[in-house]
C-alpha atoms as a PDB file:
ATOM      1  CA  MET A   1      33.045 -89.294  61.737  1.00  0.00           C
ATOM      2  CA  VAL A   2      30.757 -92.080  62.942  1.00  0.00           C
ATOM      3  CA  ASN A   3      32.311 -94.030  65.834  1.00  0.00           C
ATOM      4  CA  PRO A   4      30.968 -96.143  68.732  1.00  0.00           C
ATOM      5  CA  PRO A   5      30.562 -93.240  71.220  1.00  0.00           C
ATOM      6  CA  HIS A   6      28.756 -91.223  68.539  1.00  0.00           C
ATOM      7  CA  GLU A   7      26.349 -94.087  67.892  1.00  0.00           C
ATOM      8  CA  ALA A   8      25.707 -94.790  71.562  1.00  0.00           C
ATOM      9  CA  MET A   9      24.877 -91.152  72.371  1.00  0.00           C
ATOM     10  CA  HIS A  10      21.853 -91.110  70.084  1.00  0.00           C
ATOM     11  CA  HIS A  11      20.946 -94.804  69.752  1.00  0.00           C
ATOM     12  CA  ILE A  12      20.055 -94.928  73.446  1.00  0.00           C
ATOM     13  CA  PHE A  13      17.057 -92.730  72.553  1.00  0.00           C
ATOM     14  CA  ARG A  14      15.967 -95.296  69.961  1.00  0.00           C
ATOM     15  CA  HIS A  15      16.399 -98.104  72.469  1.00  0.00           C
ATOM     16  CA  ASP A  16      14.203 -96.336  75.047  1.00  0.00           C
ATOM     17  CA  LEU A  17      11.740 -94.190  73.100  1.00  0.00           C
ATOM     18  CA  HIS A  18      10.431 -92.405  76.194  1.00  0.00           C
ATOM     19  CA  LEU A  19      13.845 -91.417  77.590  1.00  0.00           C
ATOM     20  CA  PHE A  20      13.570 -87.859  76.261  1.00  0.00           C
ATOM     21  CA  SER A  21      10.252 -87.279  78.033  1.00  0.00           C
ATOM     22  CA  ARG A  22      11.815 -88.389  81.312  1.00  0.00           C
ATOM     23  CA  LEU A  23      14.535 -85.723  81.040  1.00  0.00           C
ATOM     24  CA  LYS A  24      12.104 -82.942  82.002  1.00  0.00           C
ATOM     25  CA  ASP A  25      13.430 -82.674  85.569  1.00  0.00           C
ATOM     26  CA  VAL A  26      17.057 -82.948  84.449  1.00  0.00           C
ATOM     27  CA  LEU A  27      16.709 -80.225  81.803  1.00  0.00           C
ATOM     28  CA  GLY A  28      14.180 -78.078  83.655  1.00  0.00           C
ATOM     29  CA  LEU A  29      11.841 -77.955  80.662  1.00  0.00           C
ATOM     30  CA  PRO A  30       8.060 -78.544  80.434  1.00  0.00           C
ATOM     31  CA  LEU A  31       8.459 -81.550  78.171  1.00  0.00           C
ATOM     32  CA  PRO A  32       5.295 -83.494  77.264  1.00  0.00           C
ATOM     33  CA  ASP A  33       4.745 -87.031  78.476  1.00  0.00           C
ATOM     34  CA  ALA A  34       4.761 -88.906  75.187  1.00  0.00           C
ATOM     35  CA  VAL A  35       1.874 -91.337  74.823  1.00  0.00           C
ATOM     36  CA  GLU A  36       3.620 -92.907  71.870  1.00  0.00           C
ATOM     37  CA  ALA A  37       7.057 -92.534  70.325  1.00  0.00           C
ATOM     38  CA  VAL A  38       7.918 -93.644  66.796  1.00  0.00           C
ATOM     39  CA  VAL A  39      11.331 -93.961  65.146  1.00  0.00           C
ATOM     40  CA  LEU A  40      11.214 -92.180  61.778  1.00  0.00           C
ATOM     41  CA  PRO A  41      13.598 -92.484  58.803  1.00  0.00           C
ATOM     42  CA  ASN A  42      16.649 -90.336  59.443  1.00  0.00           C
ATOM     43  CA  ASP A  43      17.462 -89.720  55.770  1.00  0.00           C
ATOM     44  CA  LEU A  44      17.038 -85.999  54.982  1.00  0.00           C
ATOM     45  CA  THR A  45      18.587 -86.229  51.525  1.00  0.00           C
ATOM     46  CA  GLU A  46      17.120 -84.001  48.816  1.00  0.00           C
ATOM     47  CA  THR A  47      16.798 -84.895  45.131  1.00  0.00           C
ATOM     48  CA  ARG A  48      20.106 -83.198  44.453  1.00  0.00           C
ATOM     49  CA  PRO A  49      23.159 -85.379  45.155  1.00  0.00           C
ATOM     50  CA  VAL A  50      23.774 -84.066  48.697  1.00  0.00           C
ATOM     51  CA  GLU A  51      23.168 -86.572  51.456  1.00  0.00           C
ATOM     52  CA  ARG A  52      22.005 -85.241  54.808  1.00  0.00           C
ATOM     53  CA  ARG A  53      21.175 -87.499  57.729  1.00  0.00           C
ATOM     54  CA  VAL A  54      20.202 -86.567  61.242  1.00  0.00           C
ATOM     55  CA  ASP A  55      21.571 -89.129  63.703  1.00  0.00           C
ATOM     56  CA  THR A  56      18.205 -90.205  65.149  1.00  0.00           C
ATOM     57  CA  LEU A  57      14.707 -88.923  64.407  1.00  0.00           C
ATOM     58  CA  LEU A  58      11.678 -89.648  66.598  1.00  0.00           C
ATOM     59  CA  ARG A  59       8.060 -88.530  66.531  1.00  0.00           C
ATOM     60  CA  LEU A  60       6.627 -88.033  70.025  1.00  0.00           C
ATOM     61  CA  ASP A  61       2.845 -88.118  70.352  1.00  0.00           C
ATOM     62  CA  SER A  62       1.077 -86.662  73.367  1.00  0.00           C
ATOM     63  CA  ALA A  63      -2.649 -86.762  74.029  1.00  0.00           C
ATOM     64  CA  ARG A  64      -2.464 -83.315  75.599  1.00  0.00           C
ATOM     65  CA  ASP A  65       0.109 -81.481  73.467  1.00  0.00           C
ATOM     66  CA  GLY A  66      -0.130 -83.193  70.105  1.00  0.00           C
ATOM     67  CA  SER A  67       2.924 -84.408  68.189  1.00  0.00           C
ATOM     68  CA  LEU A  68       6.449 -83.105  67.764  1.00  0.00           C
ATOM     69  CA  LEU A  69       9.622 -84.306  66.084  1.00  0.00           C
ATOM     70  CA  LEU A  70      12.795 -84.938  68.053  1.00  0.00           C
ATOM     71  CA  ALA A  71      15.999 -84.752  66.013  1.00  0.00           C
ATOM     72  CA  ILE A  72      18.949 -86.103  68.019  1.00  0.00           C
ATOM     73  CA  GLU A  73      22.557 -85.321  67.140  1.00  0.00           C
ATOM     74  CA  ALA A  74      25.630 -86.769  68.856  1.00  0.00           C
ATOM     75  CA  GLN A  75      28.410 -84.186  68.842  1.00  0.00           C
ATOM     76  CA  GLY A  76      31.956 -85.105  69.835  1.00  0.00           C
ATOM     77  CA  ARG A  77      33.686 -81.779  69.157  1.00  0.00           C
ATOM     78  CA  LYS A  78      33.108 -78.182  68.104  1.00  0.00           C
ATOM     79  CA  ASP A  79      32.270 -77.898  64.412  1.00  0.00           C
ATOM     80  CA  PRO A  80      31.535 -74.426  62.962  1.00  0.00           C
ATOM     81  CA  SER A  81      29.603 -75.997  60.085  1.00  0.00           C
ATOM     82  CA  LYS A  82      27.123 -77.798  62.319  1.00  0.00           C
ATOM     83  CA  PRO A  83      24.707 -74.928  63.202  1.00  0.00           C
ATOM     84  CA  ALA A  84      23.901 -74.462  59.510  1.00  0.00           C
ATOM     85  CA  SER A  85      23.237 -78.205  59.175  1.00  0.00           C
ATOM     86  CA  TRP A  86      21.035 -78.142  62.274  1.00  0.00           C
ATOM     87  CA  ALA A  87      19.058 -75.214  60.874  1.00  0.00           C
ATOM     88  CA  TYR A  88      18.581 -77.183  57.659  1.00  0.00           C
ATOM     89  CA  TYR A  89      17.382 -80.249  59.571  1.00  0.00           C
ATOM     90  CA  ALA A  90      14.824 -78.241  61.547  1.00  0.00           C
ATOM     91  CA  SER A  91      13.437 -76.358  58.555  1.00  0.00           C
ATOM     92  CA  TYR A  92      13.391 -79.456  56.329  1.00  0.00           C
ATOM     93  CA  LEU A  93      11.581 -81.539  58.926  1.00  0.00           C
ATOM     94  CA  TRP A  94       9.086 -78.750  59.560  1.00  0.00           C
ATOM     95  CA  THR A  95       8.409 -78.579  55.829  1.00  0.00           C
ATOM     96  CA  LYS A  96       8.217 -82.350  55.291  1.00  0.00           C
ATOM     97  CA  TYR A  97       6.134 -83.339  58.319  1.00  0.00           C
ATOM     98  CA  GLY A  98       4.388 -80.075  59.233  1.00  0.00           C
ATOM     99  CA  LEU A  99       5.289 -80.620  62.887  1.00  0.00           C
ATOM    100  CA  PRO A 100       7.306 -78.563  65.374  1.00  0.00           C
ATOM    101  CA  THR A 101      10.856 -79.848  65.676  1.00  0.00           C
ATOM    102  CA  VAL A 102      13.080 -80.077  68.733  1.00  0.00           C
ATOM    103  CA  LEU A 103      16.829 -80.483  68.228  1.00  0.00           C
ATOM    104  CA  LEU A 104      18.666 -82.379  70.986  1.00  0.00           C
ATOM    105  CA  VAL A 105      22.476 -82.430  70.946  1.00  0.00           C
ATOM    106  CA  VAL A 106      24.285 -84.962  73.160  1.00  0.00           C
ATOM    107  CA  CYS A 107      27.911 -84.203  74.138  1.00  0.00           C
ATOM    108  CA  GLN A 108      30.596 -85.852  76.246  1.00  0.00           C
ATOM    109  CA  ASP A 109      32.603 -82.798  77.289  1.00  0.00           C
ATOM    110  CA  ARG A 110      31.597 -79.473  78.810  1.00  0.00           C
ATOM    111  CA  ALA A 111      33.342 -77.257  76.242  1.00  0.00           C
ATOM    112  CA  THR A 112      31.508 -78.874  73.321  1.00  0.00           C
ATOM    113  CA  ALA A 113      28.213 -78.776  75.236  1.00  0.00           C
ATOM    114  CA  GLU A 114      28.568 -75.060  76.007  1.00  0.00           C
ATOM    115  CA  TRP A 115      29.411 -74.347  72.367  1.00  0.00           C
ATOM    116  CA  ALA A 116      26.474 -76.401  71.072  1.00  0.00           C
ATOM    117  CA  GLY A 117      24.049 -74.551  73.323  1.00  0.00           C
ATOM    118  CA  LEU A 118      24.914 -71.091  71.988  1.00  0.00           C
ATOM    119  CA  PRO A 119      22.226 -69.501  69.800  1.00  0.00           C
ATOM    120  CA  VAL A 120      23.314 -69.072  66.179  1.00  0.00           C
ATOM    121  CA  SER A 121      21.403 -66.920  63.706  1.00  0.00           C
ATOM    122  CA  SER A 122      21.555 -66.550  59.959  1.00  0.00           C
ATOM    123  CA  GLY A 123      21.352 -63.013  58.651  1.00  0.00           C
ATOM    124  CA  PRO A 124      22.858 -59.920  60.280  1.00  0.00           C
ATOM    125  CA  ALA A 125      22.725 -59.629  64.084  1.00  0.00           C
ATOM    126  CA  TYR A 126      20.200 -56.767  63.935  1.00  0.00           C
ATOM    127  CA  MET A 127      17.875 -58.719  61.624  1.00  0.00           C
ATOM    128  CA  PRO A 128      18.153 -62.499  62.206  1.00  0.00           C
ATOM    129  CA  THR A 129      16.108 -64.555  59.778  1.00  0.00           C
ATOM    130  CA  LEU A 130      16.535 -67.956  61.397  1.00  0.00           C
ATOM    131  CA  SER A 131      17.904 -68.761  64.836  1.00  0.00           C
ATOM    132  CA  VAL A 132      19.037 -72.168  66.060  1.00  0.00           C
ATOM    133  CA  ARG A 133      19.422 -73.042  69.731  1.00  0.00           C
ATOM    134  CA  PRO A 134      19.442 -76.763  70.492  1.00  0.00           C
ATOM    135  CA  ILE A 135      18.642 -78.423  73.780  1.00  0.00           C
ATOM    136  CA  VAL A 136      21.975 -79.811  74.959  1.00  0.00           C
ATOM    137  CA  VAL A 137      22.608 -82.872  77.118  1.00  0.00           C
ATOM    138  CA  GLY A 138      26.109 -83.318  78.501  1.00  0.00           C
ATOM    139  CA  PRO A 139      28.248 -83.561  81.634  1.00  0.00           C
ATOM    140  CA  HIS A 140      27.124 -80.075  82.682  1.00  0.00           C
ATOM    141  CA  ASN A 141      23.490 -81.045  83.256  1.00  0.00           C
ATOM    142  CA  MET A 142      23.222 -84.844  83.380  1.00  0.00           C
ATOM    143  CA  PRO A 143      22.931 -86.361  86.869  1.00  0.00           C
ATOM    144  CA  VAL A 144      25.886 -88.263  88.314  1.00  0.00           C
ATOM    145  CA  ILE A 145      24.240 -91.557  89.282  1.00  0.00           C
ATOM    146  CA  THR A 146      26.402 -93.461  91.764  1.00  0.00           C
ATOM    147  CA  ASP A 147      23.627 -95.236  93.681  1.00  0.00           C
ATOM    148  CA  PRO A 148      22.784 -98.697  92.268  1.00  0.00           C
ATOM    149  CA  ALA A 149      19.168 -98.311  93.402  1.00  0.00           C
ATOM    150  CA  LYS A 150      18.847 -95.047  91.453  1.00  0.00           C
ATOM    151  CA  ALA A 151      20.527 -96.627  88.434  1.00  0.00           C
ATOM    152  CA  ALA A 152      18.078 -99.539  88.578  1.00  0.00           C
ATOM    153  CA  GLU A 153      15.118 -97.126  88.520  1.00  0.00           C
ATOM    154  CA  ASP A 154      16.045 -95.959  85.011  1.00  0.00           C
ATOM    155  CA  LEU A 155      18.739 -97.996  83.265  1.00  0.00           C
ATOM    156  CA  ALA A 156      18.624 -95.938  80.059  1.00  0.00           C
ATOM    157  CA  LEU A 157      19.117 -92.693  81.997  1.00  0.00           C
ATOM    158  CA  ALA A 158      21.945 -94.296  83.984  1.00  0.00           C
ATOM    159  CA  THR A 159      23.571 -95.346  80.698  1.00  0.00           C
ATOM    160  CA  LEU A 160      23.259 -91.829  79.281  1.00  0.00           C
ATOM    161  CA  SER A 161      24.754 -90.514  82.517  1.00  0.00           C
ATOM    162  CA  ALA A 162      27.723 -92.875  82.179  1.00  0.00           C
ATOM    163  CA  VAL A 163      28.301 -92.013  78.518  1.00  0.00           C
ATOM    164  CA  THR A 164      28.126 -88.237  79.037  1.00  0.00           C
ATOM    165  CA  HIS A 165      30.361 -88.436  82.121  1.00  0.00           C
ATOM    166  CA  ALA A 166      32.981 -90.668  80.481  1.00  0.00           C
ATOM    167  CA  GLY A 167      35.770 -88.253  81.435  1.00  0.00           C
ATOM    168  CA  ASP A 168      34.447 -87.469  84.921  1.00  0.00           C
ATOM    169  CA  PRO A 169      36.559 -88.291  88.011  1.00  0.00           C
ATOM    170  CA  ASP A 170      33.506 -90.121  89.415  1.00  0.00           C
ATOM    171  CA  ILE A 171      33.166 -92.408  86.388  1.00  0.00           C
ATOM    172  CA  GLY A 172      34.287 -95.392  88.465  1.00  0.00           C
ATOM    173  CA  ALA A 173      31.413 -94.980  90.908  1.00  0.00           C
ATOM    174  CA  ILE A 174      28.963 -94.308  88.066  1.00  0.00           C
ATOM    175  CA  LEU A 175      29.929 -97.492  86.229  1.00  0.00           C
ATOM    176  CA  LYS A 176      29.976 -99.555  89.421  1.00  0.00           C
ATOM    177  CA  ALA A 177      26.419 -98.412  90.211  1.00  0.00           C
ATOM    178  CA  LEU A 178      25.275 -99.378  86.715  1.00  0.00           C
ATOM    179  CA  SER A 179      26.942-102.799  86.723  1.00  0.00           C
ATOM    180  CA  THR A 180      25.498-103.523  90.172  1.00  0.00           C
ATOM    181  CA  ALA A 181      22.015-102.518  89.023  1.00  0.00           C
ATOM    182  CA  LEU A 182      22.288-104.825  86.003  1.00  0.00           C
ATOM    183  CA  ARG A 183      22.867-107.907  88.153  1.00  0.00           C
ATOM    184  CA  ASP A 184      19.175-108.129  89.020  1.00  0.00           C
ATOM    185  CA  VAL A 185      17.594-107.644  85.580  1.00  0.00           C
ATOM    186  CA  LEU A 186      16.815-110.060  82.782  1.00  0.00           C
ATOM    187  CA  GLU A 187      19.581-110.816  80.332  1.00  0.00           C
ATOM    188  CA  ASN A 188      17.666-109.442  77.337  1.00  0.00           C
ATOM    189  CA  VAL A 189      17.243-106.171  79.256  1.00  0.00           C
ATOM    190  CA  ALA A 190      20.861-105.975  80.383  1.00  0.00           C
ATOM    191  CA  ASP A 191      22.511-106.883  77.069  1.00  0.00           C
ATOM    192  CA  PRO A 192      21.733-103.652  75.135  1.00  0.00           C
ATOM    193  CA  ILE A 193      22.642-101.536  78.170  1.00  0.00           C
ATOM    194  CA  ILE A 194      25.998-103.311  78.452  1.00  0.00           C
ATOM    195  CA  GLU A 195      26.701-102.736  74.765  1.00  0.00           C
ATOM    196  CA  PHE A 196      25.563 -99.077  74.671  1.00  0.00           C
ATOM    197  CA  THR A 197      27.775 -98.305  77.641  1.00  0.00           C
ATOM    198  CA  ALA A 198      30.754-100.056  76.075  1.00  0.00           C
ATOM    199  CA  GLN A 199      30.277 -98.167  72.813  1.00  0.00           C
ATOM    200  CA  GLY A 200      29.886 -94.818  74.533  1.00  0.00           C
ATOM    201  CA  LEU A 201      33.023 -95.041  76.679  1.00  0.00           C
ATOM    202  CA  SER A 202      35.718 -94.306  74.139  1.00  0.00           C
ATOM    203  CA  LYS A 203      37.806 -92.489  76.721  1.00  0.00           C
ATOM    204  CA  ARG A 204      40.150 -94.683  78.635  1.00  0.00           C
ATOM    205  CA  PRO A 205      40.409 -95.646  81.454  1.00  0.00           C
ATOM    206  CA  ALA A 206      36.584 -95.629  81.607  1.00  0.00           C
ATOM    207  CA  GLN A 207      36.318 -98.159  78.784  1.00  0.00           C
ATOM    208  CA  ASP A 208      38.787-100.535  80.430  1.00  0.00           C
ATOM    209  CA  LEU A 209      37.038-100.188  83.778  1.00  0.00           C
ATOM    210  CA  TRP A 210      33.644-101.011  82.257  1.00  0.00           C
ATOM    211  CA  ARG A 211      35.029-104.090  80.550  1.00  0.00           C
ATOM    212  CA  THR A 212      36.441-105.264  83.881  1.00  0.00           C
ATOM    213  CA  LEU A 213      33.194-104.614  85.734  1.00  0.00           C
ATOM    214  CA  VAL A 214      31.281-106.587  83.104  1.00  0.00           C
ATOM    215  CA  ALA A 215      33.744-109.445  83.470  1.00  0.00           C
ATOM    216  CA  VAL A 216      33.563-109.424  87.282  1.00  0.00           C
ATOM    217  CA  ASP A 217      29.979-108.362  88.079  1.00  0.00           C
ATOM    218  CA  LEU A 218      28.136-109.588  84.994  1.00  0.00           C
ATOM    219  CA  SER A 219      30.095-112.679  84.036  1.00  0.00           C
ATOM    220  CA  PHE A 220      26.888-114.721  83.664  1.00  0.00           C
ATOM    221  CA  TYR A 221      25.683-112.653  80.707  1.00  0.00           C
ATOM    222  CA  LYS A 222      26.303-113.808  77.153  1.00  0.00           C
ATOM    223  CA  SER A 223      26.374-110.460  75.369  1.00  0.00           C
ATOM    224  CA  TYR A 224      28.941-109.766  72.674  1.00  0.00           C
ATOM    225  CA  LEU A 225      31.051-107.677  75.053  1.00  0.00           C
ATOM    226  CA  ALA A 226      30.810-110.210  77.868  1.00  0.00           C
ATOM    227  CA  GLU A 227      31.888-113.022  75.544  1.00  0.00           C
ATOM    228  CA  GLU A 228      34.742-110.925  74.215  1.00  0.00           C
ATOM    229  CA  ILE A 229      35.899-110.127  77.724  1.00  0.00           C
ATOM    230  CA  ARG A 230      35.711-113.760  78.795  1.00  0.00           C
ATOM    231  CA  ASP A 231      37.841-114.735  75.808  1.00  0.00           C
ATOM    232  CA  GLU A 232      40.395-112.112  76.788  1.00  0.00           C
ATOM    233  CA  GLY A 233      40.212-113.233  80.392  1.00  0.00           C
ATOM    234  CA  ARG A 234      41.073-116.790  79.437  1.00  0.00           C
ATOM    235  CA  ALA A 235      44.087-115.513  77.531  1.00  0.00           C
ATOM    236  CA  GLU A 236      45.343-112.914  80.002  1.00  0.00           C
ATOM    237  CA  GLY A 237      43.964-114.044  83.319  1.00  0.00           C
ATOM    238  CA  SER A 238      40.945-112.443  84.978  1.00  0.00           C
ATOM    239  CA  ALA A 239      42.842-111.869  88.219  1.00  0.00           C
ATOM    240  CA  ARG A 240      45.351-109.618  86.495  1.00  0.00           C
ATOM    241  CA  ALA A 241      42.547-107.655  84.813  1.00  0.00           C
ATOM    242  CA  SER A 242      40.784-107.138  88.152  1.00  0.00           C
ATOM    243  CA  ALA A 243      44.025-106.040  89.818  1.00  0.00           C
ATOM    244  CA  ASP A 244      44.674-103.550  87.035  1.00  0.00           C
ATOM    245  CA  ALA A 245      41.146-102.184  87.415  1.00  0.00           C
ATOM    246  CA  ILE A 246      41.585-101.652  91.161  1.00  0.00           C
ATOM    247  CA  LEU A 247      44.833 -99.744  90.680  1.00  0.00           C
ATOM    248  CA  LEU A 248      43.278 -97.780  87.814  1.00  0.00           C
ATOM    249  CA  VAL A 249      40.343 -96.644  89.949  1.00  0.00           C
ATOM    250  CA  LEU A 250      42.620 -95.616  92.820  1.00  0.00           C
ATOM    251  CA  GLU A 251      44.939 -93.655  90.543  1.00  0.00           C
ATOM    252  CA  GLN A 252      42.110 -91.953  88.639  1.00  0.00           C
ATOM    253  CA  ARG A 253      40.615 -90.817  91.933  1.00  0.00           C
ATOM    254  CA  GLY A 254      43.918 -89.152  92.790  1.00  0.00           C
ATOM    255  CA  LEU A 255      44.823 -91.470  95.664  1.00  0.00           C
ATOM    256  CA  ASP A 256      48.450 -92.240  96.492  1.00  0.00           C
ATOM    257  CA  VAL A 257      49.171 -95.896  95.688  1.00  0.00           C
ATOM    258  CA  SER A 258      52.197 -97.129  97.595  1.00  0.00           C
ATOM    259  CA  ASP A 259      54.445 -99.946  96.432  1.00  0.00           C
ATOM    260  CA  ASP A 260      53.064-102.147  99.229  1.00  0.00           C
ATOM    261  CA  VAL A 261      49.461-101.605  98.078  1.00  0.00           C
ATOM    262  CA  ARG A 262      50.398-102.237  94.459  1.00  0.00           C
ATOM    263  CA  ALA A 263      52.265-105.431  95.334  1.00  0.00           C
ATOM    264  CA  ARG A 264      49.410-106.764  97.471  1.00  0.00           C
ATOM    265  CA  VAL A 265      46.826-106.082  94.766  1.00  0.00           C
ATOM    266  CA  THR A 266      48.825-107.538  91.879  1.00  0.00           C
ATOM    267  CA  GLY A 267      49.862-110.532  93.986  1.00  0.00           C
ATOM    268  CA  CYS A 268      46.278-111.584  94.746  1.00  0.00           C
ATOM    269  CA  ASP A 269      44.637-114.221  92.551  1.00  0.00           C
ATOM    270  CA  ASP A 270      41.385-114.737  94.481  1.00  0.00           C
ATOM    271  CA  PRO A 271      38.413-113.393  92.438  1.00  0.00           C
ATOM    272  CA  GLU A 272      36.165-112.741  95.449  1.00  0.00           C
ATOM    273  CA  THR A 273      38.867-110.820  97.298  1.00  0.00           C
ATOM    274  CA  LEU A 274      39.630-108.746  94.211  1.00  0.00           C
ATOM    275  CA  ARG A 275      35.921-108.033  93.711  1.00  0.00           C
ATOM    276  CA  GLY A 276      35.680-106.732  97.286  1.00  0.00           C
ATOM    277  CA  TRP A 277      38.740-104.533  96.835  1.00  0.00           C
ATOM    278  CA  LEU A 278      37.367-103.147  93.559  1.00  0.00           C
ATOM    279  CA  ALA A 279      34.046-102.259  95.189  1.00  0.00           C
ATOM    280  CA  ARG A 280      35.819-100.434  98.038  1.00  0.00           C
ATOM    281  CA  ALA A 281      38.242 -98.688  95.648  1.00  0.00           C
ATOM    282  CA  VAL A 282      35.344 -96.630  94.287  1.00  0.00           C
ATOM    283  CA  THR A 283      34.712 -94.895  97.639  1.00  0.00           C
ATOM    284  CA  ALA A 284      37.875 -95.419  99.732  1.00  0.00           C
ATOM    285  CA  VAL A 285      39.469 -92.301 101.210  1.00  0.00           C
ATOM    286  CA  THR A 286      42.954 -93.825 100.995  1.00  0.00           C
ATOM    287  CA  ALA A 287      44.347 -96.681  98.937  1.00  0.00           C
ATOM    288  CA  GLU A 288      45.058 -98.691 102.093  1.00  0.00           C
ATOM    289  CA  GLU A 289      41.367 -98.484 103.051  1.00  0.00           C
ATOM    290  CA  ILE A 290      40.430-101.100 100.444  1.00  0.00           C
ATOM    291  CA  PHE A 291      41.998-103.680 102.807  1.00  0.00           C
ATOM    292  CA  ALA A 292      40.108-102.361 105.858  1.00  0.00           C
ATOM    293  CA  GLU A 293      37.844-105.387 106.229  1.00  0.00           C
ATOM    294  CA  GLU A 294      40.617-107.932 105.703  1.00  0.00           C
END
């Protein structure tokens, strides 16, 4: 079923057409440096009434290695029927375009990623006719980017990191690094990154935390999400949202939150103080440490 996380996991490759080429160090593969990347139609439907669509299809052109097709699939769960579809995509694209095809599967959980990476063959085991083994991107091999400077070096990669690590215990630090990096970029650059990240984080509390960070750190942007959050903030109170985010980060990191800490956080209505506490909540060793500089 198509949903926001599904769309974000492959649309980020359309947004930044050279992102795949920059994954060579992450994936440990001799990927070509694409001179040009082109978004191709993703409709693989035949004349018979069976519709088949790969999520995203790119053609990567390299002066040294020629051209190849990159078929990108976002996979949210194990699906025994998928390997056959992937084999169809690869063979159809090879036939239609006469180019070698790479299949990239993007996942948000380790179990699905490990399943997607298993080789599957048609025909008996002793005589396989066609074998499918995608390249898989997921929480098992994507970098955990918690340094704002590193996030700023490659915003698309940082977004993919956040989306694939949506259920990671370090998601708070990952999202904080990304929101901090976005403060210093142009609005038209930041807007799609804000939206892709919001779409990709279906798993709460990551989604709630990102919305709060956008409201606090990126309140000057006018993206759809930022406007939506500001509307909610006017209705509910931004201080309460920030307090909830602080407690959420502390609890998700497994820290003990005493009644005194909870009361102090929820009783504060100063935005700058709450912003400081939220920043320290990402790395604090104890819940009380967020007040260390007070």
